[in-house]
Protein backbone atom coordinates (compact mmCIF):
# COMPACT_ATOMS: atom_id res chain seq x y z
CA MET A 1 -1.34 -11.47 37.24
CA SER A 2 -2.16 -7.75 37.30
CA LYS A 3 -5.79 -6.66 37.53
CA ILE A 4 -7.74 -3.47 36.98
CA LYS A 5 -11.39 -2.84 37.84
CA ILE A 6 -13.29 -0.55 35.50
CA TYR A 7 -16.45 1.16 36.72
CA GLY A 8 -18.29 1.37 33.42
CA GLY A 9 -21.13 3.37 31.99
CA LYS A 10 -19.63 6.85 32.46
CA TYR A 11 -20.03 9.55 29.81
CA LEU A 12 -16.58 10.49 28.50
CA SER A 13 -15.38 13.84 27.23
CA GLY A 14 -12.00 15.37 26.43
CA THR A 15 -9.12 15.72 24.00
CA ILE A 16 -6.47 13.10 23.21
CA LYS A 17 -3.25 13.62 21.27
CA ILE A 18 -2.34 10.56 19.22
CA HIS A 19 1.22 9.33 19.74
CA GLY A 20 3.70 8.04 17.19
CA SER A 21 3.07 4.70 15.53
CA LYS A 22 4.26 1.63 17.44
CA ASN A 23 4.41 -0.46 14.28
CA ALA A 24 6.50 2.14 12.44
CA CYS A 25 8.69 3.17 15.34
CA LEU A 26 10.12 -0.27 16.10
CA PRO A 27 11.49 -1.05 12.60
CA ILE A 28 12.71 2.55 12.24
CA MET A 29 14.61 2.23 15.51
CA CYS A 30 16.23 -0.94 14.16
CA ALA A 31 17.00 0.79 10.85
CA SER A 32 18.83 3.53 12.75
CA LEU A 33 21.64 1.03 13.43
CA LEU A 34 22.50 0.79 9.73
CA ASN A 35 24.41 4.07 9.51
CA ARG A 36 26.69 3.37 12.49
CA GLY A 37 26.05 6.98 13.45
CA ARG A 38 23.43 9.22 15.01
CA ALA A 39 19.67 9.25 14.48
CA THR A 40 17.25 11.72 16.07
CA ILE A 41 13.74 10.30 15.95
CA SER A 42 10.74 12.30 17.18
CA ASN A 43 7.12 11.41 17.94
CA VAL A 44 8.34 8.21 19.63
CA PRO A 45 5.79 6.60 21.98
CA LYS A 46 6.83 5.66 25.51
CA ILE A 47 5.64 2.07 25.42
CA ALA A 48 7.02 -1.22 26.72
CA ASP A 49 8.08 -2.51 23.29
CA VAL A 50 10.22 0.59 22.72
CA TYR A 51 11.91 0.21 26.10
CA ASN A 52 12.54 -3.50 25.48
CA LEU A 53 14.18 -2.69 22.15
CA LEU A 54 16.31 0.00 23.81
CA SER A 55 17.41 -2.59 26.37
CA ILE A 56 18.62 -4.77 23.48
CA PHE A 57 20.43 -1.75 22.04
CA SER A 58 22.31 -1.26 25.31
CA TYR A 59 23.34 -4.93 25.18
CA LEU A 60 24.80 -4.19 21.71
CA ASN A 61 26.79 -1.17 22.97
CA VAL A 62 24.38 1.32 21.36
CA THR A 63 23.77 4.45 23.43
CA TYR A 64 20.66 6.66 23.48
CA THR A 65 18.79 9.48 25.18
CA PHE A 66 15.00 9.56 25.35
CA THR A 67 13.47 12.91 26.36
CA ASP A 68 9.76 13.68 25.94
CA ASP A 69 9.03 12.06 22.56
CA VAL A 70 12.52 12.53 21.07
CA LEU A 71 14.84 9.53 20.91
CA VAL A 72 18.49 10.07 19.95
CA ILE A 73 20.33 6.86 19.04
CA ASP A 74 24.11 6.61 18.63
CA SER A 75 25.16 3.31 17.03
CA SER A 76 28.78 4.30 16.29
CA LYS A 77 30.07 1.67 18.75
CA LEU A 78 27.61 -1.08 17.79
CA THR A 79 29.10 -4.55 18.29
CA TYR A 80 27.83 -8.00 17.31
CA SER A 81 26.43 -10.32 19.97
CA ASP A 82 24.17 -13.33 19.73
CA LEU A 83 20.65 -12.22 20.62
CA LEU A 84 19.98 -14.99 23.13
CA ILE A 85 18.50 -12.63 25.71
CA ASN A 86 15.08 -12.48 27.35
CA GLU A 87 14.09 -9.13 25.83
CA VAL A 88 13.83 -10.79 22.40
CA LEU A 89 11.10 -13.05 23.79
CA THR A 90 8.88 -10.16 24.91
CA PHE A 91 7.83 -8.69 21.54
CA ARG A 92 7.47 -9.79 17.95
CA ALA A 93 9.28 -6.86 16.32
CA SER A 94 12.62 -8.03 17.71
CA TYR A 95 12.83 -10.07 14.49
CA TYR A 96 13.73 -6.89 12.58
CA LEU A 97 17.18 -7.21 14.10
CA ILE A 98 17.70 -10.32 11.96
CA GLY A 99 17.66 -8.30 8.73
CA ILE A 100 19.81 -5.58 10.33
CA PHE A 101 22.42 -8.09 11.53
CA LEU A 102 22.56 -9.84 8.17
CA ALA A 103 23.18 -6.49 6.46
CA LEU A 104 25.87 -5.42 8.95
CA PHE A 105 27.50 -8.68 10.02
CA GLY A 106 26.35 -11.40 7.61
CA LYS A 107 25.02 -13.51 10.46
CA CYS A 108 22.47 -13.58 13.28
CA LYS A 109 21.77 -15.96 16.14
CA ILE A 110 18.58 -15.09 17.99
CA TYR A 111 15.79 -16.56 20.09
CA TYR A 112 12.56 -17.05 18.18
CA PRO A 113 10.81 -13.67 18.74
CA GLY A 114 7.90 -13.51 21.17
CA GLY A 115 4.95 -11.13 21.33
CA CYS A 116 1.18 -11.50 21.11
CA LYS A 117 -0.32 -14.93 20.58
CA LEU A 118 -2.42 -14.53 17.43
CA GLY A 119 -2.45 -18.10 16.21
CA GLU A 120 0.11 -19.32 13.71
CA ARG A 121 2.63 -16.59 12.88
CA PRO A 122 5.50 -18.46 11.21
CA LEU A 123 8.54 -16.67 9.80
CA ASP A 124 8.51 -18.79 6.64
CA TYR A 125 8.24 -15.74 4.35
CA HIS A 126 11.32 -14.27 6.03
CA PHE A 127 13.31 -17.51 5.95
CA ASP A 128 12.52 -18.25 2.29
CA ALA A 129 13.65 -14.75 1.30
CA PHE A 130 16.84 -14.94 3.38
CA GLU A 131 17.70 -18.21 1.60
CA ALA A 132 16.99 -16.57 -1.78
CA ILE A 133 19.57 -13.91 -0.87
CA GLY A 134 22.14 -16.65 -0.20
CA TYR A 135 21.97 -17.25 3.55
CA ASN A 136 21.62 -20.60 5.31
CA VAL A 137 18.77 -20.74 7.83
CA ASN A 138 18.65 -23.15 10.76
CA TYR A 139 15.91 -23.23 13.40
CA ASN A 140 16.16 -25.60 16.36
CA ASP A 141 15.05 -25.50 20.01
CA ASN A 142 13.58 -22.01 19.69
CA ILE A 143 16.87 -20.60 18.36
CA ILE A 144 17.25 -19.15 14.85
CA GLU A 145 20.73 -19.16 13.34
CA ILE A 146 21.35 -17.54 9.96
CA ALA A 147 24.69 -17.03 8.22
CA GLY A 148 26.28 -17.05 4.78
CA ILE A 149 27.38 -14.87 1.91
CA PRO A 150 24.85 -13.04 -0.30
CA LYS A 151 24.81 -13.91 -3.99
CA ASN A 152 27.18 -11.83 -6.09
CA GLU A 153 24.48 -10.65 -8.46
CA HIS A 154 21.29 -8.60 -8.61
CA ILE A 155 18.92 -10.28 -6.18
CA ASP A 156 15.31 -10.78 -7.23
CA ILE A 157 12.86 -11.80 -4.49
CA THR A 158 9.13 -12.44 -4.66
CA LEU A 159 7.50 -12.56 -1.23
CA LYS A 160 4.90 -15.30 -0.89
CA GLY A 161 2.51 -12.97 0.91
CA ASN A 162 1.98 -9.24 1.58
CA SER A 163 3.67 -9.42 4.96
CA VAL A 164 4.66 -6.20 6.76
CA GLY A 165 7.39 -7.91 8.76
CA ALA A 166 8.83 -9.86 5.84
CA THR A 167 8.85 -6.80 3.57
CA ILE A 168 10.77 -4.70 6.09
CA ASN A 169 13.14 -7.50 7.10
CA ILE A 170 14.10 -8.29 3.50
CA VAL A 171 14.65 -4.61 2.73
CA PHE A 172 17.00 -4.48 5.72
CA ALA A 173 18.85 -7.64 4.67
CA THR A 174 19.43 -6.36 1.11
CA ILE A 175 20.04 -2.68 1.90
CA PHE A 176 23.77 -2.86 0.99
CA LEU A 177 23.07 -4.93 -2.13
CA ASN A 178 21.22 -4.43 -5.41
CA ALA A 179 17.82 -6.04 -5.18
CA THR A 180 14.24 -6.08 -6.43
CA ILE A 181 11.43 -7.11 -4.06
CA HIS A 182 8.09 -8.15 -5.55
CA ASN A 183 4.72 -8.50 -3.82
CA TYR A 184 5.65 -6.17 -0.97
CA SER A 185 3.36 -4.73 1.70
CA LEU A 186 1.92 -1.23 1.21
CA GLU A 187 0.94 -0.63 4.84
CA PRO A 188 1.71 2.94 6.07
CA GLU A 189 4.23 1.59 8.57
CA VAL A 190 6.21 -0.05 5.76
CA ILE A 191 6.21 3.15 3.72
CA ASP A 192 7.32 5.14 6.78
CA THR A 193 10.25 2.77 7.29
CA LEU A 194 11.24 3.08 3.62
CA ASP A 195 11.01 6.88 3.87
CA PHE A 196 13.32 6.80 6.90
CA LEU A 197 15.84 4.68 4.98
CA GLY A 198 15.65 7.26 2.20
CA LYS A 199 16.41 10.00 4.73
CA LEU A 200 19.41 7.96 5.84
CA GLY A 201 20.71 8.19 2.28
CA PHE A 202 19.83 4.77 0.92
CA LYS A 203 18.58 4.75 -2.65
CA ILE A 204 15.19 3.01 -2.71
CA ILE A 205 12.57 3.33 -5.43
CA LYS A 206 8.96 2.34 -4.72
CA ASN A 207 6.77 1.52 -7.71
CA GLN A 208 5.22 -1.82 -8.59
CA ASN A 209 8.24 -3.31 -6.83
CA ILE A 210 10.83 -2.10 -4.33
CA GLU A 211 14.16 -1.40 -6.03
CA ILE A 212 17.19 -1.22 -3.74
CA PHE A 213 20.56 0.13 -4.88
CA ASN A 214 23.79 -0.32 -2.95
CA SER A 215 24.56 3.07 -1.41
CA ILE A 216 26.39 4.69 1.50
CA PRO A 217 24.22 6.08 4.35
CA LYS A 218 24.60 9.45 6.02
CA ARG A 219 26.19 9.56 9.46
CA SER A 220 23.39 11.66 10.95
CA VAL A 221 19.65 11.94 10.33
CA LYS A 222 16.49 13.46 11.83
CA TYR A 223 13.05 11.94 11.31
CA ARG A 224 9.48 12.13 12.67
CA ILE A 225 7.37 8.98 13.07
CA ILE A 226 3.85 8.90 11.60
CA PRO A 227 0.90 8.96 14.04
CA ASP A 228 -0.45 5.62 15.26
CA ARG A 229 -3.55 4.74 13.25
CA ILE A 230 -4.57 1.89 15.58
CA GLU A 231 -4.36 4.13 18.65
CA ALA A 232 -6.54 6.63 16.80
CA LEU A 233 -9.12 3.98 15.90
CA THR A 234 -9.16 2.77 19.52
CA TYR A 235 -10.22 6.22 20.76
CA VAL A 236 -12.66 6.60 17.87
CA VAL A 237 -14.49 3.45 18.97
CA MET A 238 -14.32 4.60 22.60
CA ALA A 239 -16.03 7.86 21.64
CA LEU A 240 -18.71 6.14 19.55
CA LEU A 241 -19.52 3.97 22.57
CA CYS A 242 -19.14 6.44 25.41
CA GLY A 243 -19.12 10.16 24.66
CA ASN A 244 -17.41 13.04 22.93
CA ILE A 245 -13.67 12.82 22.20
CA LYS A 246 -11.51 15.12 20.12
CA LEU A 247 -8.40 13.54 18.60
CA GLU A 248 -5.34 15.55 17.56
CA ASN A 249 -2.22 14.56 15.58
CA VAL A 250 -4.13 12.10 13.38
CA ASN A 251 -3.10 11.09 9.88
CA LEU A 252 -6.57 11.00 8.34
CA LEU A 253 -5.35 9.38 5.11
CA HIS A 254 -4.15 6.30 6.97
CA ILE A 255 -7.61 5.59 8.45
CA ASP A 256 -9.77 7.00 5.67
CA TYR A 257 -11.45 3.71 4.67
CA PRO A 258 -12.44 2.48 8.16
CA ILE A 259 -13.60 5.96 9.22
CA ARG A 260 -15.71 6.52 6.10
CA THR A 261 -17.18 3.04 6.52
CA LEU A 262 -18.20 3.95 10.08
CA ILE A 263 -19.69 7.25 8.91
CA LEU A 264 -21.74 5.43 6.26
CA ASN A 265 -23.14 3.33 9.12
CA ASN A 266 -24.32 6.23 11.28
CA ALA A 267 -21.12 7.16 13.15
CA ASP A 268 -20.98 10.85 14.11
CA ILE A 269 -17.41 11.76 13.11
CA ILE A 270 -16.11 15.08 11.81
CA MET A 271 -12.64 15.30 10.24
CA TYR A 272 -10.50 18.31 9.34
CA LYS A 273 -6.74 18.67 8.83
CA ASN A 274 -5.21 16.34 11.44
CA VAL A 275 -8.15 16.50 13.87
CA MET A 276 -11.19 14.29 14.45
CA CYS A 277 -14.25 14.98 16.58
CA CYS A 278 -16.09 11.77 17.45
CA ASN A 279 -19.42 11.56 19.27
CA LYS A 280 -21.45 8.79 20.85
CA SER A 281 -23.50 7.12 18.11
CA LYS A 282 -25.80 4.23 17.42
CA VAL A 283 -23.57 2.61 14.82
CA ILE A 284 -25.24 0.12 12.51
CA PRO A 285 -23.22 -3.15 12.59
CA PHE A 286 -21.84 -4.11 9.17
CA ASN A 287 -20.13 -7.13 7.68
CA PHE A 288 -16.43 -6.68 6.94
CA GLU A 289 -13.17 -8.45 6.29
CA ALA A 290 -10.08 -7.29 8.17
CA ASP A 291 -7.51 -7.11 5.39
CA LEU A 292 -4.55 -5.30 3.89
CA TYR A 293 -4.33 -1.49 3.76
CA PRO A 294 -6.38 0.55 3.03
CA LYS A 295 -9.10 -1.81 4.32
CA ILE A 296 -10.02 -2.18 8.01
CA PRO A 297 -6.76 -3.41 9.60
CA THR A 298 -6.54 -6.67 11.52
CA ASP A 299 -5.42 -4.72 14.61
CA ALA A 300 -8.74 -2.83 14.58
CA GLN A 301 -10.89 -5.90 14.09
CA PRO A 302 -11.25 -6.67 17.85
CA LEU A 303 -12.18 -3.03 18.49
CA PHE A 304 -14.97 -3.07 15.90
CA SER A 305 -16.18 -6.44 17.21
CA VAL A 306 -16.80 -4.91 20.65
CA LEU A 307 -18.43 -1.80 19.13
CA PHE A 308 -21.01 -3.96 17.38
CA LEU A 309 -21.96 -5.83 20.58
CA PHE A 310 -23.45 -2.60 21.97
CA ASN A 311 -25.52 -1.77 18.88
CA ASN A 312 -28.66 -3.24 17.38
CA GLY A 313 -28.11 -5.66 14.54
CA SER A 314 -25.72 -8.44 13.62
CA ALA A 315 -22.49 -8.54 11.67
CA ILE A 316 -20.25 -11.17 10.11
CA ILE A 317 -16.56 -10.44 10.66
CA GLU A 318 -13.71 -12.28 8.97
CA ASP A 319 -10.00 -11.74 9.55
CA LYS A 320 -8.03 -12.33 6.35
CA ILE A 321 -4.68 -11.71 8.06
CA PHE A 322 -4.87 -13.79 11.25
CA LYS A 323 -7.32 -16.66 11.46
CA ASN A 324 -9.11 -17.05 14.78
CA ARG A 325 -8.07 -13.62 16.09
CA PHE A 326 -11.25 -13.33 18.12
CA SER A 327 -10.10 -13.78 21.72
CA ALA A 328 -11.68 -10.49 22.89
CA PRO A 329 -15.32 -11.01 21.79
CA LEU A 330 -15.19 -14.72 22.67
CA GLU A 331 -13.80 -13.85 26.13
CA LEU A 332 -16.92 -11.73 26.63
CA VAL A 333 -19.34 -14.59 25.98
CA HIS A 334 -19.50 -15.57 29.66
CA LEU A 335 -20.47 -11.96 30.47
CA GLY A 336 -23.38 -12.01 28.02
CA ALA A 337 -21.84 -11.36 24.60
CA ARG A 338 -23.81 -12.98 21.80
CA VAL A 339 -20.96 -14.15 19.58
CA THR A 340 -20.82 -17.21 17.34
CA ALA A 341 -17.51 -18.45 15.91
CA ILE A 342 -17.50 -20.25 12.56
CA GLU A 343 -14.06 -21.21 11.22
CA ASN A 344 -12.18 -17.90 10.79
CA LYS A 345 -15.32 -15.76 11.16
CA ILE A 346 -17.52 -14.56 13.99
CA ILE A 347 -21.11 -13.35 14.04
CA THR A 348 -21.87 -10.59 16.55
CA ASN A 349 -25.27 -9.59 17.89
CA HIS A 350 -26.50 -6.88 20.26
CA SER A 351 -25.88 -8.07 23.81
CA ILE A 352 -26.88 -7.42 27.42
CA PHE A 353 -23.94 -7.72 29.83
CA VAL A 354 -23.35 -8.66 33.45
CA SER A 355 -20.48 -7.83 35.80
CA GLY A 356 -17.49 -10.14 35.88
CA SER A 357 -13.85 -10.59 35.00
CA VAL A 358 -12.04 -11.13 31.70
CA ARG A 359 -8.47 -11.85 30.68
CA ALA A 360 -6.41 -10.17 27.97
CA PHE A 361 -4.37 -12.48 25.76
CA ASP A 362 -2.82 -9.96 23.36
CA LEU A 363 -2.39 -6.21 22.92
CA ARG A 364 -5.38 -5.39 20.70
CA ALA A 365 -7.65 -7.82 22.55
CA CYS A 366 -6.66 -5.98 25.73
CA ALA A 367 -7.63 -2.66 24.15
CA ALA A 368 -10.95 -4.16 23.05
CA LEU A 369 -11.64 -5.44 26.57
CA PHE A 370 -10.96 -1.95 27.94
CA LEU A 371 -13.48 -0.57 25.42
CA PHE A 372 -16.04 -3.11 26.59
CA ALA A 373 -15.42 -2.42 30.28
CA ILE A 374 -15.66 1.36 29.80
CA ALA A 375 -18.88 1.13 27.77
CA SER A 376 -20.64 -1.51 29.85
CA PRO A 377 -23.06 -0.23 32.54
CA THR A 378 -21.60 -2.93 34.82
CA ASN A 379 -18.21 -3.20 36.56
CA THR A 380 -15.51 -5.32 34.92
CA VAL A 381 -12.16 -6.68 36.11
CA ILE A 382 -9.50 -7.06 33.40
CA ASN A 383 -6.78 -9.55 34.20
CA ASN A 384 -3.34 -9.17 32.59
CA TYR A 385 -4.20 -5.58 31.76
CA GLU A 386 -0.56 -4.43 31.68
CA ILE A 387 -0.34 -5.81 28.14
CA ILE A 388 -1.85 -2.46 27.10
CA GLU A 389 1.48 -0.81 27.96
CA ARG A 390 3.15 -2.63 25.06
CA GLY A 391 1.40 -0.42 22.53
CA TYR A 392 -0.44 2.53 24.12
CA ASP A 393 1.40 5.51 25.61
CA ASP A 394 -0.27 7.17 28.64
CA PHE A 395 -3.34 4.93 28.28
CA LEU A 396 -4.54 4.97 31.89
CA LYS A 397 -3.68 8.67 32.20
CA ASN A 398 -5.80 9.37 29.11
CA LEU A 399 -8.69 7.31 30.45
CA LYS A 400 -8.64 9.30 33.68
CA SER A 401 -8.61 12.60 31.78
CA LEU A 402 -11.68 11.48 29.82
CA GLY A 403 -13.61 10.58 32.97
CA VAL A 404 -13.11 6.80 33.27
CA LYS A 405 -13.26 5.51 36.84
CA TYR A 406 -10.95 2.58 37.59
CA GLU A 407 -9.09 0.85 40.42
CA ILE A 408 -5.83 -1.10 40.07
CA ILE A 409 -6.00 -4.31 42.08
CA GLU A 410 -2.65 -5.52 43.42
């Protein structure tokens, strides 16, 4: 298990450029296979999940070049293979290849996708929708096998929940059909994926529903990924805890609600164009529910939980998306965190911390533990810290530029 020791309590200062969105980039990379041609995608983050997906692409005879933040994908020689390979087990977004394979080949055999352990994350919404299209779904011994022939009619699907993954996967699976999707997710990453499909030449109308019309894609396309709103919020919280950080390449609209909520509770944040200036502040803890866009996202909930532990007052936090997604603040209890868990809620209180070690269990919990370790006046060892590389480009390099002192322990 990898370890890093953070020497906390340092005042941080500097400028950070926000990278492209992890949660938009991965489905857009998968969507690039649909045109059996060339896609040039910019603002792509260099993160482990991207490299794992590219490894799968190579297995499928898809070629690519990746220079700076520009990824060029050539899927003209794409071939079908069962996706019973280890890379599928390393990240959740590998499930987007199911929808892509159904659209292109009418079948998919794949390991059950891996990724962060956030409690129950079944693919029932996906499976129910695939069956509504006309496919047969079988799931045994950690292997998913889907095949069949889509219905020869306009397909009407109502998703059982506002799921990002299910929305994108069902759009992929019906992209060469005529379909209407009800109760779809409005998260920015979904909209970015739909915009990319529009650039590819697919006719998609977004209103109260998603309307998909059978169309022929272009053979070549260029597209720029939206900035990562969770990366931006991570550095915002870091600044509020530790110093003065300027953020560039931020989509302010995508984080408007959480940022304005912080400002209303004494956060010193200035916004203009695509720039934010964030300063150390005594933020007043506030009750909130992590929920669907535009509310505070579930991925930011662990970050806010840690922020509140350093400020006077208490807060009740509920996660409406993932129950029991509180591994980061609960991991800090043995270092002094005053956190009480009640069903799918926690109550945080101002805490006094001691030195010690913690373990990261998922990507955003890992980011939250880094925030704690950087802000704490003590020294903290984070076990399993390499999880951060799944979703944050240049994270340790950025920490060093801001003034964080750390030591990697082999």
